[in-house]
Amino acid sequence: LPGVSSYGPTGFVALLAGWITTEVGRQPWIIYGVMRTADAVAPIAAPAVAIPLAAFVAVYTAVFGTGIYYVLKLMAAAPGQAEPPPDVKEVHRAASIVPVVAAEAVLPTNDLDGARS
């Protein structure tokens, strides 16, 4: 599971790899005179590029801003404020693991001391 965090930048790497592949594949045709530079430019007007770019920036700014706000809100709250304290009388076992607080409440600590003396 710790290695999963290394997969985070793979989307960005794939995006860059696709862009580099497109540009590297286009350049030899221009360099060797097979294609003119004017023919290599995509026939897209500036507003057709600017509007989706602005929408992309706005959506990602909203998503990123909301995520940062949520994380900061979680960090501002003290741990355990939203959770009720555990019921010490009831022991919850998961994979035979007993919480320390529950173990101290259920198992008296003086049993071991009495066995030693």
PDB file of N, CA and C in Angstrom:
ATOM      1  N   LEU A   1       0.806  -1.199   0.000  1.00  0.00           N
ATOM      2  CA  LEU A   1       0.000   0.000   0.000  1.00  0.00           C
ATOM      3  C   LEU A   1       0.856   1.273   0.000  1.00  0.00           C
ATOM      4  N   PRO A   2       2.011   1.318   0.650  1.00  0.00           N
ATOM      5  CA  PRO A   2       2.809   2.539   0.584  1.00  0.00           C
ATOM      6  C   PRO A   2       3.272   2.867  -0.839  1.00  0.00           C
ATOM      7  N   GLY A   3       3.421   1.880  -1.684  1.00  0.00           N
ATOM      8  CA  GLY A   3       3.873   2.135  -3.054  1.00  0.00           C
ATOM      9  C   GLY A   3       2.808   2.767  -3.925  1.00  0.00           C
ATOM     10  N   VAL A   4       1.548   2.709  -3.491  1.00  0.00           N
ATOM     11  CA  VAL A   4       0.457   3.261  -4.286  1.00  0.00           C
ATOM     12  C   VAL A   4       0.615   4.772  -4.441  1.00  0.00           C
ATOM     13  N   SER A   5       1.150   5.438  -3.449  1.00  0.00           N
ATOM     14  CA  SER A   5       1.312   6.892  -3.534  1.00  0.00           C
ATOM     15  C   SER A   5       2.277   7.291  -4.645  1.00  0.00           C
ATOM     16  N   SER A   6       3.129   6.382  -5.068  1.00  0.00           N
ATOM     17  CA  SER A   6       4.045   6.712  -6.160  1.00  0.00           C
ATOM     18  C   SER A   6       3.329   6.739  -7.505  1.00  0.00           C
ATOM     19  N   TYR A   7       2.088   6.225  -7.569  1.00  0.00           N
ATOM     20  CA  TYR A   7       1.338   6.241  -8.818  1.00  0.00           C
ATOM     21  C   TYR A   7       0.680   7.592  -9.081  1.00  0.00           C
ATOM     22  N   GLY A   8       0.725   8.499  -8.143  1.00  0.00           N
ATOM     23  CA  GLY A   8       0.081   9.795  -8.285  1.00  0.00           C
ATOM     24  C   GLY A   8       0.481  10.564  -9.524  1.00  0.00           C
ATOM     25  N   PRO A   9       1.768  10.710  -9.809  1.00  0.00           N
ATOM     26  CA  PRO A   9       2.162  11.512 -10.967  1.00  0.00           C
ATOM     27  C   PRO A   9       2.062  10.784 -12.302  1.00  0.00           C
ATOM     28  N   THR A  10       1.574   9.561 -12.349  1.00  0.00           N
ATOM     29  CA  THR A  10       1.566   8.830 -13.619  1.00  0.00           C
ATOM     30  C   THR A  10       0.644   9.468 -14.658  1.00  0.00           C
ATOM     31  N   GLY A  11      -0.445  10.078 -14.230  1.00  0.00           N
ATOM     32  CA  GLY A  11      -1.321  10.769 -15.178  1.00  0.00           C
ATOM     33  C   GLY A  11      -0.614  11.936 -15.831  1.00  0.00           C
ATOM     34  N   PHE A  12       0.122  12.689 -15.033  1.00  0.00           N
ATOM     35  CA  PHE A  12       0.876  13.829 -15.569  1.00  0.00           C
ATOM     36  C   PHE A  12       1.983  13.353 -16.505  1.00  0.00           C
ATOM     37  N   VAL A  13       2.655  12.280 -16.133  1.00  0.00           N
ATOM     38  CA  VAL A  13       3.716  11.721 -16.982  1.00  0.00           C
ATOM     39  C   VAL A  13       3.122  11.245 -18.309  1.00  0.00           C
ATOM     40  N   ALA A  14       1.960  10.603 -18.270  1.00  0.00           N
ATOM     41  CA  ALA A  14       1.308  10.146 -19.501  1.00  0.00           C
ATOM     42  C   ALA A  14       0.911  11.322 -20.385  1.00  0.00           C
ATOM     43  N   LEU A  15       0.429  12.392 -19.772  1.00  0.00           N
ATOM     44  CA  LEU A  15       0.074  13.585 -20.532  1.00  0.00           C
ATOM     45  C   LEU A  15       1.292  14.171 -21.235  1.00  0.00           C
ATOM     46  N   LEU A  16       2.379  14.305 -20.484  1.00  0.00           N
ATOM     47  CA  LEU A  16       3.600  14.839 -21.092  1.00  0.00           C
ATOM     48  C   LEU A  16       4.160  13.916 -22.162  1.00  0.00           C
ATOM     49  N   ALA A  17       4.109  12.611 -21.911  1.00  0.00           N
ATOM     50  CA  ALA A  17       4.628  11.660 -22.901  1.00  0.00           C
ATOM     51  C   ALA A  17       3.831  11.743 -24.202  1.00  0.00           C
ATOM     52  N   GLY A  18       2.521  11.889 -24.102  1.00  0.00           N
ATOM     53  CA  GLY A  18       1.701  12.027 -25.305  1.00  0.00           C
ATOM     54  C   GLY A  18       2.016  13.302 -26.056  1.00  0.00           C
ATOM     55  N   TRP A  19       2.195  14.394 -25.327  1.00  0.00           N
ATOM     56  CA  TRP A  19       2.524  15.663 -25.971  1.00  0.00           C
ATOM     57  C   TRP A  19       3.895  15.586 -26.651  1.00  0.00           C
ATOM     58  N   ILE A  20       4.873  15.015 -25.947  1.00  0.00           N
ATOM     59  CA  ILE A  20       6.226  14.899 -26.515  1.00  0.00           C
ATOM     60  C   ILE A  20       6.201  13.998 -27.745  1.00  0.00           C
ATOM     61  N   THR A  21       5.457  12.904 -27.692  1.00  0.00           N
ATOM     62  CA  THR A  21       5.361  12.006 -28.842  1.00  0.00           C
ATOM     63  C   THR A  21       4.759  12.731 -30.044  1.00  0.00           C
ATOM     64  N   THR A  22       3.739  13.527 -29.802  1.00  0.00           N
ATOM     65  CA  THR A  22       3.117  14.281 -30.897  1.00  0.00           C
ATOM     66  C   THR A  22       4.103  15.268 -31.501  1.00  0.00           C
ATOM     67  N   GLU A  23       4.792  16.005 -30.645  1.00  0.00           N
ATOM     68  CA  GLU A  23       5.703  17.030 -31.152  1.00  0.00           C
ATOM     69  C   GLU A  23       6.945  16.425 -31.815  1.00  0.00           C
ATOM     70  N   VAL A  24       7.483  15.359 -31.231  1.00  0.00           N
ATOM     71  CA  VAL A  24       8.667  14.729 -31.823  1.00  0.00           C
ATOM     72  C   VAL A  24       8.300  14.096 -33.157  1.00  0.00           C
ATOM     73  N   GLY A  25       7.104  13.528 -33.243  1.00  0.00           N
ATOM     74  CA  GLY A  25       6.666  12.949 -34.509  1.00  0.00           C
ATOM     75  C   GLY A  25       6.415  13.994 -35.574  1.00  0.00           C
ATOM     76  N   ARG A  26       6.090  15.195 -35.181  1.00  0.00           N
ATOM     77  CA  ARG A  26       5.797  16.267 -36.130  1.00  0.00           C
ATOM     78  C   ARG A  26       7.075  16.961 -36.611  1.00  0.00           C
ATOM     79  N   GLN A  27       8.062  17.082 -35.771  1.00  0.00           N
ATOM     80  CA  GLN A  27       9.237  17.890 -36.095  1.00  0.00           C
ATOM     81  C   GLN A  27      10.074  17.379 -37.274  1.00  0.00           C
ATOM     82  N   PRO A  28      10.355  16.084 -37.407  1.00  0.00           N
ATOM     83  CA  PRO A  28      11.197  15.670 -38.545  1.00  0.00           C
ATOM     84  C   PRO A  28      10.589  16.051 -39.891  1.00  0.00           C
ATOM     85  N   TRP A  29       9.293  16.040 -40.009  1.00  0.00           N
ATOM     86  CA  TRP A  29       8.671  16.399 -41.274  1.00  0.00           C
ATOM     87  C   TRP A  29       8.936  17.868 -41.603  1.00  0.00           C
ATOM     88  N   ILE A  30       8.964  18.695 -40.579  1.00  0.00           N
ATOM     89  CA  ILE A  30       9.220  20.121 -40.788  1.00  0.00           C
ATOM     90  C   ILE A  30      10.699  20.357 -41.046  1.00  0.00           C
ATOM     91  N   ILE A  31      11.563  19.699 -40.277  1.00  0.00           N
ATOM     92  CA  ILE A  31      13.003  19.910 -40.396  1.00  0.00           C
ATOM     93  C   ILE A  31      13.524  19.491 -41.768  1.00  0.00           C
ATOM     94  N   TYR A  32      13.070  18.371 -42.271  1.00  0.00           N
ATOM     95  CA  TYR A  32      13.564  17.872 -43.553  1.00  0.00           C
ATOM     96  C   TYR A  32      12.823  18.459 -44.740  1.00  0.00           C
ATOM     97  N   GLY A  33      11.938  19.414 -44.511  1.00  0.00           N
ATOM     98  CA  GLY A  33      11.278  20.115 -45.608  1.00  0.00           C
ATOM     99  C   GLY A  33      10.121  19.362 -46.229  1.00  0.00           C
ATOM    100  N   VAL A  34       9.675  18.306 -45.628  1.00  0.00           N
ATOM    101  CA  VAL A  34       8.538  17.559 -46.167  1.00  0.00           C
ATOM    102  C   VAL A  34       7.241  18.317 -45.884  1.00  0.00           C
ATOM    103  N   MET A  35       7.188  18.988 -44.738  1.00  0.00           N
ATOM    104  CA  MET A  35       5.998  19.733 -44.339  1.00  0.00           C
ATOM    105  C   MET A  35       6.411  21.152 -43.963  1.00  0.00           C
ATOM    106  N   ARG A  36       5.606  22.118 -44.362  1.00  0.00           N
ATOM    107  CA  ARG A  36       5.896  23.498 -43.990  1.00  0.00           C
ATOM    108  C   ARG A  36       5.447  23.760 -42.556  1.00  0.00           C
ATOM    109  N   THR A  37       6.053  24.717 -41.899  1.00  0.00           N
ATOM    110  CA  THR A  37       5.692  25.058 -40.525  1.00  0.00           C
ATOM    111  C   THR A  37       4.243  25.505 -40.447  1.00  0.00           C
ATOM    112  N   ALA A  38       3.790  26.247 -41.429  1.00  0.00           N
ATOM    113  CA  ALA A  38       2.400  26.710 -41.450  1.00  0.00           C
ATOM    114  C   ALA A  38       1.429  25.528 -41.526  1.00  0.00           C
ATOM    115  N   ASP A  39       1.827  24.436 -42.176  1.00  0.00           N
ATOM    116  CA  ASP A  39       0.956  23.258 -42.263  1.00  0.00           C
ATOM    117  C   ASP A  39       0.954  22.452 -40.964  1.00  0.00           C
ATOM    118  N   ALA A  40       1.993  22.604 -40.166  1.00  0.00           N
ATOM    119  CA  ALA A  40       2.101  21.837 -38.924  1.00  0.00           C
ATOM    120  C   ALA A  40       1.244  22.423 -37.809  1.00  0.00           C
ATOM    121  N   VAL A  41       0.873  23.693 -37.936  1.00  0.00           N
ATOM    122  CA  VAL A  41       0.065  24.347 -36.913  1.00  0.00           C
ATOM    123  C   VAL A  41      -1.381  23.876 -37.045  1.00  0.00           C
ATOM    124  N   ALA A  42      -1.975  23.552 -35.909  1.00  0.00           N
ATOM    125  CA  ALA A  42      -3.372  23.111 -35.920  1.00  0.00           C
ATOM    126  C   ALA A  42      -4.281  24.279 -36.295  1.00  0.00           C
ATOM    127  N   PRO A  43      -5.275  24.039 -37.124  1.00  0.00           N
ATOM    128  CA  PRO A  43      -6.162  25.133 -37.575  1.00  0.00           C
ATOM    129  C   PRO A  43      -7.251  25.450 -36.544  1.00  0.00           C
ATOM    130  N   ILE A  44      -6.820  25.881 -35.368  1.00  0.00           N
ATOM    131  CA  ILE A  44      -7.756  26.199 -34.298  1.00  0.00           C
ATOM    132  C   ILE A  44      -7.581  27.671 -33.943  1.00  0.00           C
ATOM    133  N   ALA A  45      -8.684  28.386 -33.849  1.00  0.00           N
ATOM    134  CA  ALA A  45      -8.631  29.802 -33.484  1.00  0.00           C
ATOM    135  C   ALA A  45      -8.310  29.943 -32.001  1.00  0.00           C
ATOM    136  N   ALA A  46      -7.777  31.097 -31.635  1.00  0.00           N
ATOM    137  CA  ALA A  46      -7.384  31.345 -30.250  1.00  0.00           C
ATOM    138  C   ALA A  46      -8.551  31.214 -29.261  1.00  0.00           C
ATOM    139  N   PRO A  47      -9.752  31.734 -29.565  1.00  0.00           N
ATOM    140  CA  PRO A  47     -10.853  31.557 -28.609  1.00  0.00           C
ATOM    141  C   PRO A  47     -11.241  30.089 -28.413  1.00  0.00           C
ATOM    142  N   ALA A  48     -11.060  29.270 -29.441  1.00  0.00           N
ATOM    143  CA  ALA A  48     -11.391  27.850 -29.318  1.00  0.00           C
ATOM    144  C   ALA A  48     -10.440  27.139 -28.359  1.00  0.00           C
ATOM    145  N   VAL A  49      -9.280  27.715 -28.139  1.00  0.00           N
ATOM    146  CA  VAL A  49      -8.323  27.153 -27.189  1.00  0.00           C
ATOM    147  C   VAL A  49      -8.476  27.832 -25.827  1.00  0.00           C
ATOM    148  N   ALA A  50      -8.717  29.121 -25.823  1.00  0.00           N
ATOM    149  CA  ALA A  50      -8.770  29.889 -24.578  1.00  0.00           C
ATOM    150  C   ALA A  50      -9.968  29.514 -23.711  1.00  0.00           C
ATOM    151  N   ILE A  51     -11.126  29.279 -24.320  1.00  0.00           N
ATOM    152  CA  ILE A  51     -12.328  28.976 -23.536  1.00  0.00           C
ATOM    153  C   ILE A  51     -12.204  27.633 -22.803  1.00  0.00           C
ATOM    154  N   PRO A  52     -11.816  26.537 -23.470  1.00  0.00           N
ATOM    155  CA  PRO A  52     -11.632  25.293 -22.706  1.00  0.00           C
ATOM    156  C   PRO A  52     -10.508  25.388 -21.674  1.00  0.00           C
ATOM    157  N   LEU A  53      -9.458  26.136 -21.991  1.00  0.00           N
ATOM    158  CA  LEU A  53      -8.373  26.318 -21.028  1.00  0.00           C
ATOM    159  C   LEU A  53      -8.875  27.048 -19.785  1.00  0.00           C
ATOM    160  N   ALA A  54      -9.663  28.103 -19.983  1.00  0.00           N
ATOM    161  CA  ALA A  54     -10.211  28.842 -18.842  1.00  0.00           C
ATOM    162  C   ALA A  54     -11.143  27.953 -18.019  1.00  0.00           C
ATOM    163  N   ALA A  55     -11.967  27.147 -18.692  1.00  0.00           N
ATOM    164  CA  ALA A  55     -12.861  26.235 -17.976  1.00  0.00           C
ATOM    165  C   ALA A  55     -12.057  25.198 -17.191  1.00  0.00           C
ATOM    166  N   PHE A  56     -11.022  24.667 -17.805  1.00  0.00           N
ATOM    167  CA  PHE A  56     -10.145  23.692 -17.148  1.00  0.00           C
ATOM    168  C   PHE A  56      -9.518  24.297 -15.895  1.00  0.00           C
ATOM    169  N   VAL A  57      -8.992  25.500 -16.019  1.00  0.00           N
ATOM    170  CA  VAL A  57      -8.356  26.169 -14.879  1.00  0.00           C
ATOM    171  C   VAL A  57      -9.385  26.452 -13.787  1.00  0.00           C
ATOM    172  N   ALA A  58     -10.579  26.884 -14.164  1.00  0.00           N
ATOM    173  CA  ALA A  58     -11.614  27.189 -13.172  1.00  0.00           C
ATOM    174  C   ALA A  58     -12.058  25.936 -12.419  1.00  0.00           C
ATOM    175  N   VAL A  59     -12.289  24.850 -13.145  1.00  0.00           N
ATOM    176  CA  VAL A  59     -12.748  23.618 -12.502  1.00  0.00           C
ATOM    177  C   VAL A  59     -11.663  23.064 -11.580  1.00  0.00           C
ATOM    178  N   TYR A  60     -10.435  23.016 -12.050  1.00  0.00           N
ATOM    179  CA  TYR A  60      -9.370  22.471 -11.212  1.00  0.00           C
ATOM    180  C   TYR A  60      -9.060  23.381 -10.030  1.00  0.00           C
ATOM    181  N   THR A  61      -9.207  24.688 -10.187  1.00  0.00           N
ATOM    182  CA  THR A  61      -9.018  25.591  -9.059  1.00  0.00           C
ATOM    183  C   THR A  61     -10.106  25.357  -8.010  1.00  0.00           C
ATOM    184  N   ALA A  62     -11.336  25.162  -8.458  1.00  0.00           N
ATOM    185  CA  ALA A  62     -12.429  24.895  -7.521  1.00  0.00           C
ATOM    186  C   ALA A  62     -12.222  23.565  -6.801  1.00  0.00           C
ATOM    187  N   VAL A  63     -11.854  22.526  -7.534  1.00  0.00           N
ATOM    188  CA  VAL A  63     -11.649  21.211  -6.918  1.00  0.00           C
ATOM    189  C   VAL A  63     -10.466  21.253  -5.950  1.00  0.00           C
ATOM    190  N   PHE A  64      -9.367  21.843  -6.378  1.00  0.00           N
ATOM    191  CA  PHE A  64      -8.183  21.930  -5.523  1.00  0.00           C
ATOM    192  C   PHE A  64      -8.469  22.798  -4.296  1.00  0.00           C
ATOM    193  N   GLY A  65      -9.150  23.930  -4.495  1.00  0.00           N
ATOM    194  CA  GLY A  65      -9.480  24.812  -3.384  1.00  0.00           C
ATOM    195  C   GLY A  65     -10.395  24.143  -2.375  1.00  0.00           C
ATOM    196  N   THR A  66     -11.383  23.389  -2.869  1.00  0.00           N
ATOM    197  CA  THR A  66     -12.288  22.667  -1.978  1.00  0.00           C
ATOM    198  C   THR A  66     -11.537  21.595  -1.193  1.00  0.00           C
ATOM    199  N   GLY A  67     -10.641  20.903  -1.859  1.00  0.00           N
ATOM    200  CA  GLY A  67      -9.840  19.877  -1.180  1.00  0.00           C
ATOM    201  C   GLY A  67      -8.950  20.469  -0.109  1.00  0.00           C
ATOM    202  N   ILE A  68      -8.303  21.570  -0.413  1.00  0.00           N
ATOM    203  CA  ILE A  68      -7.437  22.232   0.574  1.00  0.00           C
ATOM    204  C   ILE A  68      -8.271  22.728   1.756  1.00  0.00           C
ATOM    205  N   TYR A  69      -9.437  23.320   1.471  1.00  0.00           N
ATOM    206  CA  TYR A  69     -10.317  23.791   2.548  1.00  0.00           C
ATOM    207  C   TYR A  69     -10.718  22.621   3.453  1.00  0.00           C
ATOM    208  N   TYR A  70     -11.093  21.504   2.857  1.00  0.00           N
ATOM    209  CA  TYR A  70     -11.533  20.341   3.632  1.00  0.00           C
ATOM    210  C   TYR A  70     -10.397  19.787   4.494  1.00  0.00           C
ATOM    211  N   VAL A  71      -9.208  19.674   3.928  1.00  0.00           N
ATOM    212  CA  VAL A  71      -8.068  19.153   4.686  1.00  0.00           C
ATOM    213  C   VAL A  71      -7.710  20.098   5.828  1.00  0.00           C
ATOM    214  N   LEU A  72      -7.710  21.397   5.574  1.00  0.00           N
ATOM    215  CA  LEU A  72      -7.411  22.358   6.643  1.00  0.00           C
ATOM    216  C   LEU A  72      -8.480  22.320   7.735  1.00  0.00           C
ATOM    217  N   LYS A  73      -9.735  22.118   7.346  1.00  0.00           N
ATOM    218  CA  LYS A  73     -10.812  22.002   8.326  1.00  0.00           C
ATOM    219  C   LYS A  73     -10.617  20.760   9.194  1.00  0.00           C
ATOM    220  N   LEU A  74     -10.223  19.653   8.575  1.00  0.00           N
ATOM    221  CA  LEU A  74      -9.952  18.436   9.343  1.00  0.00           C
ATOM    222  C   LEU A  74      -8.762  18.622  10.277  1.00  0.00           C
ATOM    223  N   MET A  75      -7.753  19.322   9.822  1.00  0.00           N
ATOM    224  CA  MET A  75      -6.559  19.536  10.644  1.00  0.00           C
ATOM    225  C   MET A  75      -6.837  20.485  11.801  1.00  0.00           C
ATOM    226  N   ALA A  76      -7.798  21.395  11.643  1.00  0.00           N
ATOM    227  CA  ALA A  76      -8.098  22.360  12.702  1.00  0.00           C
ATOM    228  C   ALA A  76      -8.842  21.714  13.867  1.00  0.00           C
ATOM    229  N   ALA A  77      -9.602  20.675  13.600  1.00  0.00           N
ATOM    230  CA  ALA A  77     -10.361  20.010  14.665  1.00  0.00           C
ATOM    231  C   ALA A  77      -9.425  19.131  15.486  1.00  0.00           C
ATOM    232  N   ALA A  78      -9.657  19.133  16.774  1.00  0.00           N
ATOM    233  CA  ALA A  78      -8.851  18.279  17.648  1.00  0.00           C
ATOM    234  C   ALA A  78      -9.221  16.820  17.393  1.00  0.00           C
ATOM    235  N   PRO A  79      -8.281  15.916  17.547  1.00  0.00           N
ATOM    236  CA  PRO A  79      -8.585  14.502  17.308  1.00  0.00           C
ATOM    237  C   PRO A  79      -9.654  13.997  18.264  1.00  0.00           C
ATOM    238  N   GLY A  80     -10.590  13.262  17.721  1.00  0.00           N
ATOM    239  CA  GLY A  80     -11.594  12.617  18.546  1.00  0.00           C
ATOM    240  C   GLY A  80     -12.766  13.482  18.956  1.00  0.00           C
ATOM    241  N   GLN A  81     -12.850  14.738  18.502  1.00  0.00           N
ATOM    242  CA  GLN A  81     -13.975  15.575  18.884  1.00  0.00           C
ATOM    243  C   GLN A  81     -15.285  15.045  18.326  1.00  0.00           C
ATOM    244  N   ALA A  82     -15.263  14.518  17.143  1.00  0.00           N
ATOM    245  CA  ALA A  82     -16.485  14.052  16.492  1.00  0.00           C
ATOM    246  C   ALA A  82     -16.884  12.660  16.960  1.00  0.00           C
ATOM    247  N   GLU A  83     -16.016  11.970  17.652  1.00  0.00           N
ATOM    248  CA  GLU A  83     -16.294  10.601  18.077  1.00  0.00           C
ATOM    249  C   GLU A  83     -16.600  10.567  19.577  1.00  0.00           C
ATOM    250  N   PRO A  84     -17.577   9.758  19.970  1.00  0.00           N
ATOM    251  CA  PRO A  84     -17.818   9.597  21.405  1.00  0.00           C
ATOM    252  C   PRO A  84     -16.704   8.761  22.024  1.00  0.00           C
ATOM    253  N   PRO A  85     -16.454   8.915  23.302  1.00  0.00           N
ATOM    254  CA  PRO A  85     -15.406   8.094  23.924  1.00  0.00           C
ATOM    255  C   PRO A  85     -15.800   6.620  23.883  1.00  0.00           C
ATOM    256  N   PRO A  86     -14.831   5.729  23.817  1.00  0.00           N
ATOM    257  CA  PRO A  86     -15.159   4.302  23.739  1.00  0.00           C
ATOM    258  C   PRO A  86     -15.791   3.799  25.032  1.00  0.00           C
ATOM    259  N   ASP A  87     -16.669   2.827  24.894  1.00  0.00           N
ATOM    260  CA  ASP A  87     -17.304   2.204  26.047  1.00  0.00           C
ATOM    261  C   ASP A  87     -16.322   1.181  26.611  1.00  0.00           C
ATOM    262  N   VAL A  88     -15.798   1.464  27.787  1.00  0.00           N
ATOM    263  CA  VAL A  88     -14.746   0.628  28.363  1.00  0.00           C
ATOM    264  C   VAL A  88     -15.292  -0.735  28.790  1.00  0.00           C
ATOM    265  N   LYS A  89     -16.559  -0.806  29.150  1.00  0.00           N
ATOM    266  CA  LYS A  89     -17.116  -2.067  29.625  1.00  0.00           C
ATOM    267  C   LYS A  89     -17.283  -3.083  28.505  1.00  0.00           C
ATOM    268  N   GLU A  90     -17.395  -2.598  27.292  1.00  0.00           N
ATOM    269  CA  GLU A  90     -17.600  -3.505  26.167  1.00  0.00           C
ATOM    270  C   GLU A  90     -16.291  -3.613  25.375  1.00  0.00           C
ATOM    271  N   VAL A  91     -15.761  -4.807  25.267  1.00  0.00           N
ATOM    272  CA  VAL A  91     -14.494  -5.017  24.571  1.00  0.00           C
ATOM    273  C   VAL A  91     -14.782  -5.372  23.118  1.00  0.00           C
ATOM    274  N   HIS A  92     -14.232  -4.596  22.207  1.00  0.00           N
ATOM    275  CA  HIS A  92     -14.367  -4.874  20.777  1.00  0.00           C
ATOM    276  C   HIS A  92     -13.077  -5.530  20.308  1.00  0.00           C
ATOM    277  N   ARG A  93     -13.208  -6.705  19.758  1.00  0.00           N
ATOM    278  CA  ARG A  93     -12.019  -7.412  19.295  1.00  0.00           C
ATOM    279  C   ARG A  93     -12.017  -7.460  17.781  1.00  0.00           C
ATOM    280  N   ALA A  94     -10.885  -7.143  17.223  1.00  0.00           N
ATOM    281  CA  ALA A  94     -10.682  -7.258  15.783  1.00  0.00           C
ATOM    282  C   ALA A  94      -9.384  -8.008  15.594  1.00  0.00           C
ATOM    283  N   ALA A  95      -9.457  -9.158  15.005  1.00  0.00           N
ATOM    284  CA  ALA A  95      -8.288 -10.011  14.791  1.00  0.00           C
ATOM    285  C   ALA A  95      -7.591 -10.316  16.117  1.00  0.00           C
ATOM    286  N   SER A  96      -8.380 -10.560  17.157  1.00  0.00           N
ATOM    287  CA  SER A  96      -7.892 -10.899  18.495  1.00  0.00           C
ATOM    288  C   SER A  96      -7.047  -9.801  19.123  1.00  0.00           C
ATOM    289  N   ILE A  97      -7.250  -8.571  18.697  1.00  0.00           N
ATOM    290  CA  ILE A  97      -6.513  -7.443  19.275  1.00  0.00           C
ATOM    291  C   ILE A  97      -7.458  -6.720  20.226  1.00  0.00           C
ATOM    292  N   VAL A  98      -7.029  -6.523  21.452  1.00  0.00           N
ATOM    293  CA  VAL A  98      -7.828  -5.838  22.459  1.00  0.00           C
ATOM    294  C   VAL A  98      -7.203  -4.464  22.692  1.00  0.00           C
ATOM    295  N   PRO A  99      -8.003  -3.383  22.608  1.00  0.00           N
ATOM    296  CA  PRO A  99      -7.447  -2.066  22.903  1.00  0.00           C
ATOM    297  C   PRO A  99      -6.900  -2.012  24.320  1.00  0.00           C
ATOM    298  N   VAL A 100      -5.868  -1.237  24.533  1.00  0.00           N
ATOM    299  CA  VAL A 100      -5.206  -1.167  25.833  1.00  0.00           C
ATOM    300  C   VAL A 100      -6.167  -0.685  26.903  1.00  0.00           C
ATOM    301  N   VAL A 101      -6.976   0.317  26.604  1.00  0.00           N
ATOM    302  CA  VAL A 101      -7.920   0.842  27.586  1.00  0.00           C
ATOM    303  C   VAL A 101      -8.899  -0.251  27.990  1.00  0.00           C
ATOM    304  N   ALA A 102      -9.392  -1.007  27.029  1.00  0.00           N
ATOM    305  CA  ALA A 102     -10.347  -2.073  27.324  1.00  0.00           C
ATOM    306  C   ALA A 102      -9.672  -3.199  28.096  1.00  0.00           C
ATOM    307  N   ALA A 103      -8.441  -3.524  27.761  1.00  0.00           N
ATOM    308  CA  ALA A 103      -7.727  -4.597  28.445  1.00  0.00           C
ATOM    309  C   ALA A 103      -7.486  -4.241  29.905  1.00  0.00           C
ATOM    310  N   GLU A 104      -7.166  -2.985  30.179  1.00  0.00           N
ATOM    311  CA  GLU A 104      -6.940  -2.570  31.562  1.00  0.00           C
ATOM    312  C   GLU A 104      -8.237  -2.601  32.360  1.00  0.00           C
ATOM    313  N   ALA A 105      -9.369  -2.316  31.705  1.00  0.00           N
ATOM    314  CA  ALA A 105     -10.646  -2.315  32.409  1.00  0.00           C
ATOM    315  C   ALA A 105     -11.122  -3.735  32.693  1.00  0.00           C
ATOM    316  N   VAL A 106     -10.847  -4.658  31.778  1.00  0.00           N
ATOM    317  CA  VAL A 106     -11.337  -6.026  31.916  1.00  0.00           C
ATOM    318  C   VAL A 106     -10.369  -6.887  32.729  1.00  0.00           C
ATOM    319  N   LEU A 107      -9.092  -6.725  32.493  1.00  0.00           N
ATOM    320  CA  LEU A 107      -8.095  -7.544  33.174  1.00  0.00           C
ATOM    321  C   LEU A 107      -7.463  -6.745  34.297  1.00  0.00           C
ATOM    322  N   PRO A 108      -7.624  -7.121  35.532  1.00  0.00           N
ATOM    323  CA  PRO A 108      -6.993  -6.386  36.632  1.00  0.00           C
ATOM    324  C   PRO A 108      -5.484  -6.505  36.551  1.00  0.00           C
ATOM    325  N   THR A 109      -4.810  -5.429  36.832  1.00  0.00           N
ATOM    326  CA  THR A 109      -3.358  -5.437  36.737  1.00  0.00           C
ATOM    327  C   THR A 109      -2.694  -6.125  37.928  1.00  0.00           C
ATOM    328  N   ASN A 110      -3.382  -6.238  39.062  1.00  0.00           N
ATOM    329  CA  ASN A 110      -2.753  -6.832  40.242  1.00  0.00           C
ATOM    330  C   ASN A 110      -2.728  -8.361  40.198  1.00  0.00           C
ATOM    331  N   ASP A 111      -3.368  -9.003  39.201  1.00  0.00           N
ATOM    332  CA  ASP A 111      -3.314 -10.459  39.085  1.00  0.00           C
ATOM    333  C   ASP A 111      -1.888 -10.940  38.862  1.00  0.00           C
ATOM    334  N   LEU A 112      -1.166 -10.232  38.006  1.00  0.00           N
ATOM    335  CA  LEU A 112       0.210 -10.624  37.723  1.00  0.00           C
ATOM    336  C   LEU A 112       1.111 -10.338  38.920  1.00  0.00           C
ATOM    337  N   ASP A 113       0.833  -9.244  39.604  1.00  0.00           N
ATOM    338  CA  ASP A 113       1.654  -8.926  40.776  1.00  0.00           C
ATOM    339  C   ASP A 113       1.450  -9.961  41.878  1.00  0.00           C
ATOM    340  N   GLY A 114       0.215 -10.430  42.048  1.00  0.00           N
ATOM    341  CA  GLY A 114      -0.067 -11.429  43.063  1.00  0.00           C
ATOM    342  C   GLY A 114       0.583 -12.765  42.724  1.00  0.00           C
ATOM    343  N   ALA A 115       0.712 -13.092  41.452  1.00  0.00           N
ATOM    344  CA  ALA A 115       1.298 -14.360  41.046  1.00  0.00           C
ATOM    345  C   ALA A 115       2.810 -14.363  41.281  1.00  0.00           C
ATOM    346  N   ARG A 116       3.409 -13.174  41.226  1.00  0.00           N
ATOM    347  CA  ARG A 116       4.867 -13.106  41.410  1.00  0.00           C
ATOM    348  C   ARG A 116       5.259 -13.232  42.881  1.00  0.00           C
ATOM    349  N   SER A 117       4.398 -12.788  43.802  1.00  0.00           N
ATOM    350  CA  SER A 117       4.822 -12.803  45.203  1.00  0.00           C
ATOM    351  C   SER A 117       4.513 -14.085  45.910  1.00  0.00           C
TER     352      SER A 117
END
